[in-house]
Amino acid sequence: MTFSNSTGVVVPASHFREPPTTLTNKYLLSGLLFTALNLLFATHNADAAKLSAPSLSDCNQDQYQTVLSKATLNASAARAYWLSSDTIRWPGKHTAGSFHLYASDKGLLNIRNGAKVKGATQHIDLQIGTGIRATQSDVQTRFAFTGKGIELRYTLPTATLSHLLKQQVVLVQENEQGDVIDFTYIQIPGVLDDLYLAANTVEDLGVKVSLNASEGRRHIKKPSIYSKFKLWAPTVRQIAVCTYNSGDSKANTIKTMTFESNTGIWEALANQDLSGQYYKYLLDVFIPGTGWVRNAVTDPYSLSLTTDSKRSFIANLNSQALKPKGWDEQSIPSRVQHATDMSVYELHVRDFSANDLTVRPDYRGKYLAFTEYQSNGMKHLTALSKAGITDIHLLPVFDIATIPETNCSNPKISGAPDSEQQQAIVNAHATTDCFNWGYDPFHYNAPEGSYATNATDGATRILEFRKMVMALHQANLRVGMDVVYNHTAYAGQHEKSVLDRIVPGYYQRLTTNGKVEESTCQTCGNTATENNMMAKLMSDSVRLWAREYKIDSFRFDLMGHQPRSVMEKLKASLASDNGRPIFLIGEGWNFGEVANNTRFAQAAQLSLNGSGIGTFSDRARDAIRGAGRDDDINSIVNNKGYINGLADGTTPQQVEQTLRAADMIRVGLAGTLSDFEMKTAQGQPQKLKDINYNGQPAGYASEPDEVVNYVENHDNQTLFDINAFRLPVTTSHEDRARVQVLGLALTAFSQGIAYFHAGSDILRSKSLDGNSYNSGDWFNRLDWTYQDNYFGTGLPPKQDNLALYPLMCPLLVNANIKPRPQDIAFTRDAFRDLLKIRSSSSLFHLTQNTDIKKRLHFYNVGANQNPLLIIGLLDGDHLPAANWKSIIYLINVSQTEQHIEISELQRRQFQLHPVHLDPQAGDQRIKKEAKYSAQDGFTIPARSVVVFVEKN
């Protein structure tokens, strides 16, 4: 055992002849003795590191983890925080007794209350401090969430602290007799970030091939062709890298990696180009509650992998062999100059083509389906592009943990409209079929293999992903990615946990007890992007996708679980890297352990003012379709929205709710801007930030690029399905289609970014499924022949829908609800008209708060309004690309024609928008029935959206 003096200097116990308890204040080491002891200590460390070095045969073992020695301490709770390289905080702890760090390089600590510590090879006395030092204000802010406790100080040389972190270390409180009062492991992100800050600037983590000879570690001359491996793993005792000729061959080499003490990075160099080979790491690390383990892990910076991510793939992304012909010369669509120019179509790779018989069989459900320009699916996307869709946002396409990459099952399914047979088959194949939404990250930097035609070859997915991007660019569509950096599919020592098996307790966000937080996913592990190297991993990953795959925009899943500062820095880096803005949007929901800025200033709705980063707005969404998430059997019907029944109510309460919904829809139309002012149903002008939305301000954005408007996305029921619950069952086929268009119009005409779910334009149904993330192809199908929307194709999976089965059964068999091909065609064409109208004038996507406040005027407002009619006028005076003097849109949600006179607009000369007058216009009623005259005002057909223009 070792003990320390009052300065915190570590001294091996064998150097003392007096009892350890007398040493704390007796010994003051001279500089010479200090140096000698550190040399001895380093020798001891080197001897320990040489134990049981991995061999080539270890590279070929099937197991992902080998326990080298079991811990004698079963506990794993971590209730203290290692704030920095000289301070530890133990929240809630009082100052009674003394405090010590005990360490064991063999992992054999034996600690129990009321007894003395056994099995330690190192011991450090801690001094009770008086609070965080003034020079550590950033640390104080970062760890304020932990609450008050004692601060414990020590002074250690950097090399000694670095070695300490590679051992089993436990914080112990003892009484005067040296008996244990309490003990705990310590959460380590703070000390790792402090000690290895230099790792933030390292740009070549992962494997780099054939870099310049001058790059790499200092003082080492390299050939011009080489392969360099770098892995950040500061708490690991030793690492070796195994290389393989193929994804399933025996290892051909094993190379010991060396540790860079300044960065915490391990490095190995091969004097050859290893492109096309595969690799994995063998690393020895201590796991609290388990012991010393040897983990066989893939690289968190993997660029590609073999089947089911068993091995990482070595790739030089600049190699011409990994680029489609013309990749470097392709033109990226320039149609989006500002974020508000974006009209986004959210699409799942497999949904796009798995059901499209015009795609060759080998390409269905794959990246290459997007290269089939004559397929029904690509004809649909091309038509949308011409109408005004600017961006295709792909649901997760990075490496996914829950989709078998080869030999996935494709079950045959059939059954009656209200049968349980379909979902029973889907559930039986849920873990083996080819489908999942993909919010289960495995490797962030590698394309998903199940979407490639050959998942066994790491090069194929890279090449085919790029072909997909290029094909969409050639259709004048920008490409966006849905990215999920808020959690990993697995944490801890699970086989498919990567980060936590390399640096245990660092990459995942932890509870006050040291367990992994799971607020973003019931079985996933939240990541901690407030920690430097997790923030760096996210930033490096996004930058790679933009740089190497020419991704044009990103949608962040549960972005509110990430720091605003990290997102802003990422945004700036993307612009610098690419010479153009790469727009960022995300889910800014405020919940979980980070809610209300508890741990940091969040990238959430109310925290992003001035950032230029967009968040999805639930304000107008809830008003349009009806509030409610996880509705029960009553609320799923009764929480009606403005377009699906609320406006039909006649009681005073229903009328009041309709007026409030109309106001909330105007909030969305005005870009959810906090300082936009309008007259509300109460009769008084109010700024949108002063309108209450569930205890929050209705208006929260400072600029229109900070809001994303939508009425449907992959989550929850589709718009058609929620309308099936809420519209009267007697609603006609025609009116169901018209209601759908109303919802899409309110999104299209709202200031900000417009976001649409794939298939919402063709009445997409998931047979009432409220959460189709793992419901197979069957409940997620799209039909680009426009013959079926797949309503009434069986009761959806029980897991998230069983409670609603009594309601679902009669709906699913109701032939009056299932649309006809002509209803699907109507909605398709009417939606394209909305896109054409939106893209016809810059007035529909203004870029500045000041312009919206100046140019957008609502009519028919206040206490005496007709609540069935939304009217907005856009003033185009002296605005480039406005194309008209003014534009006025009128949205009638009632079942009857509406007429309104607006005194302020008398004598103005309005005429129908040219899109309405086109012979191929989707809603032929408008040019026949919609009217305007200076004397009589406006006449708007039932359940319709009408736009008039005023010429310059």
Foldseek 3Di string as FASTA:
>chain_A
DWEEECQFEIAFPVVDPDPRVPHHDPDDDDPVVSVVRVVVVVVVLVVLLPPPDDDLVVQVDPDQKDFPDFAPDQDAWAQKAPQAQWKIWRPPEDDAAWKKKFWAQQNHWDADAPAAIPRGRTMTGWDWDDDDDPVVVVSCQQPVLSHDGIMTGHDYPLVVSLQRLLTDMKMFGAHPVRGTHDIHHYQYLNHLCRQQVVLLPDQDAAKAFQDAQPDDDPPDGADSTKIKHKAQFSNWSWKKKWKAQFQPGRTDDIGTWDADSNHSMTMDMGRHGPAQIWMWMWIWGQRRSTGIMTGTFEGLQAQFAFFLRPTGGDHHLPDPVLADVCLVPADFQPQDAAQLLAAEAEDEQQQLFLPFPQAPPLQHSALCSLVSCPTLSNVLVLLLVVLFHAAYEYQAFFAANQAGQPPADDDDDADFLAAPRRQVVLVVRLRRHHAFSRLADQHLNYTYRNRFSHRRGGSGRSNSLLVSQSSCSVSNHAYEYEGELQWHNAADPDSSHHPCVRHNSHQFDADSGSHFDAPLHPHIGTTQCVRSVSLSSVLSRVLCCCQSNVHQEYEYEQQQNHAPVSVLVSQVVNCVSPVGGRAAEYAQDADDPCHPNSSHQGPHQQRCAPSLHAHEACQLLCQLAFDDDLDFQPCLAVRGHLQQPLLVDDDPVSVVSLQVSLVSLVCQQLLLAQQQWDQGLQFDIDGQQPDDDPNGRSRRYNWNSHYEYANDALAFWGSLLSSLRHHPLPDALQSSLLSLLLRQLSQLQHAHHRYYYPCSLQSAGLLNDTHCRSQPCLSSHDDSVQAFNNHSRYDTHCPSCVSNSVVSSVSSNRPRSTHGSLSSQLSNQQSSLSSNVSVQACQSHPGGSVQSSVFKDWPQHYNPRSSQKTKIKGACPPPPRRQFRIKMKMFGSAQAKDFDDDVVCAPADKDFDVLLVDPSHSDVVCVVFWDADSVGGTIGGHSHMTMIGGHD
